[in-house]
Protein backbone atom coordinates (compact mmCIF):
# COMPACT_ATOMS: atom_id res chain seq x y z
CA MET A 1 84.32 19.71 -20.70
CA CYS A 2 85.52 19.41 -24.28
CA GLU A 3 82.48 20.59 -26.22
CA ALA A 4 82.73 23.34 -28.79
CA LYS A 5 80.49 25.91 -30.39
CA VAL A 6 80.42 25.69 -34.17
CA TYR A 7 79.99 28.84 -36.24
CA ILE A 8 79.73 29.35 -39.98
CA GLU A 9 81.18 32.41 -41.63
CA LYS A 10 78.74 33.82 -44.15
CA LYS A 11 79.82 35.41 -47.41
CA ASP A 12 79.35 38.86 -45.84
CA GLY A 13 81.90 37.97 -43.12
CA ASN A 14 79.41 37.60 -40.26
CA LEU A 15 79.51 34.54 -38.01
CA GLU A 16 76.33 32.55 -37.39
CA GLU A 17 76.19 30.00 -34.59
CA LEU A 18 75.24 26.60 -35.99
CA MET A 19 75.37 24.41 -32.93
CA GLU A 20 76.71 24.36 -29.38
CA ASN A 21 77.97 21.53 -27.17
CA VAL A 22 79.40 19.79 -30.25
CA ILE A 23 81.42 16.69 -29.39
CA THR A 24 81.98 15.16 -32.85
CA ILE A 25 82.67 16.59 -36.31
CA LYS A 26 83.13 14.03 -39.06
CA PRO A 27 83.46 14.50 -42.84
CA GLU A 28 80.83 12.48 -44.72
CA ASP A 29 80.04 12.62 -48.44
CA ASP A 30 81.56 16.09 -48.98
CA LYS A 31 79.70 17.51 -45.92
CA LEU A 32 80.47 17.80 -42.23
CA HIS A 33 78.41 15.76 -39.77
CA LEU A 34 78.03 17.54 -36.41
CA VAL A 35 76.84 15.75 -33.27
CA ASP A 36 76.22 17.47 -29.95
CA LEU A 37 76.36 16.21 -26.38
CA PHE A 38 72.64 15.36 -26.44
CA GLY A 39 72.71 13.40 -29.72
CA GLU A 40 71.33 16.14 -31.97
CA GLN A 41 72.83 15.85 -35.45
CA LYS A 42 73.29 18.27 -38.30
CA TYR A 43 74.92 18.03 -41.75
CA VAL A 44 76.46 21.16 -43.24
CA ASN A 45 77.95 21.87 -46.62
CA ALA A 46 81.05 23.65 -45.33
CA ARG A 47 84.78 23.40 -44.77
CA PHE A 48 87.01 24.24 -41.82
CA LYS A 49 88.35 27.78 -41.57
CA GLU A 50 89.70 27.86 -38.04
CA ILE A 51 89.66 25.75 -34.88
CA LYS A 52 90.25 27.60 -31.60
CA LEU A 53 90.84 24.90 -29.01
CA LEU A 54 91.33 27.21 -26.02
CA ASP A 55 88.10 29.06 -26.86
CA HIS A 56 86.18 25.85 -27.71
CA GLN A 57 85.22 27.29 -31.10
CA VAL A 58 85.14 25.82 -34.59
CA ILE A 59 84.67 28.23 -37.46
CA LEU A 60 83.49 26.92 -40.82
CA THR A 61 83.01 28.60 -44.19
CA GLU A 62 80.30 27.87 -46.73
CA LYS A 63 81.35 25.84 -49.76
């Protein structure tokens, strides 16, 4: 499968899991729109920090 877990790095450096089984990440109106395998959606005010394709992880940072 090609889903990913999305984490956000907090200002203190800790990672918090935002969503799992994410299949789509799309920039919309200065936010990122996340959609998972089951259709759940979430908008986050963040930017990309790192994408680890082999680990199926996307790490974001707060704006």
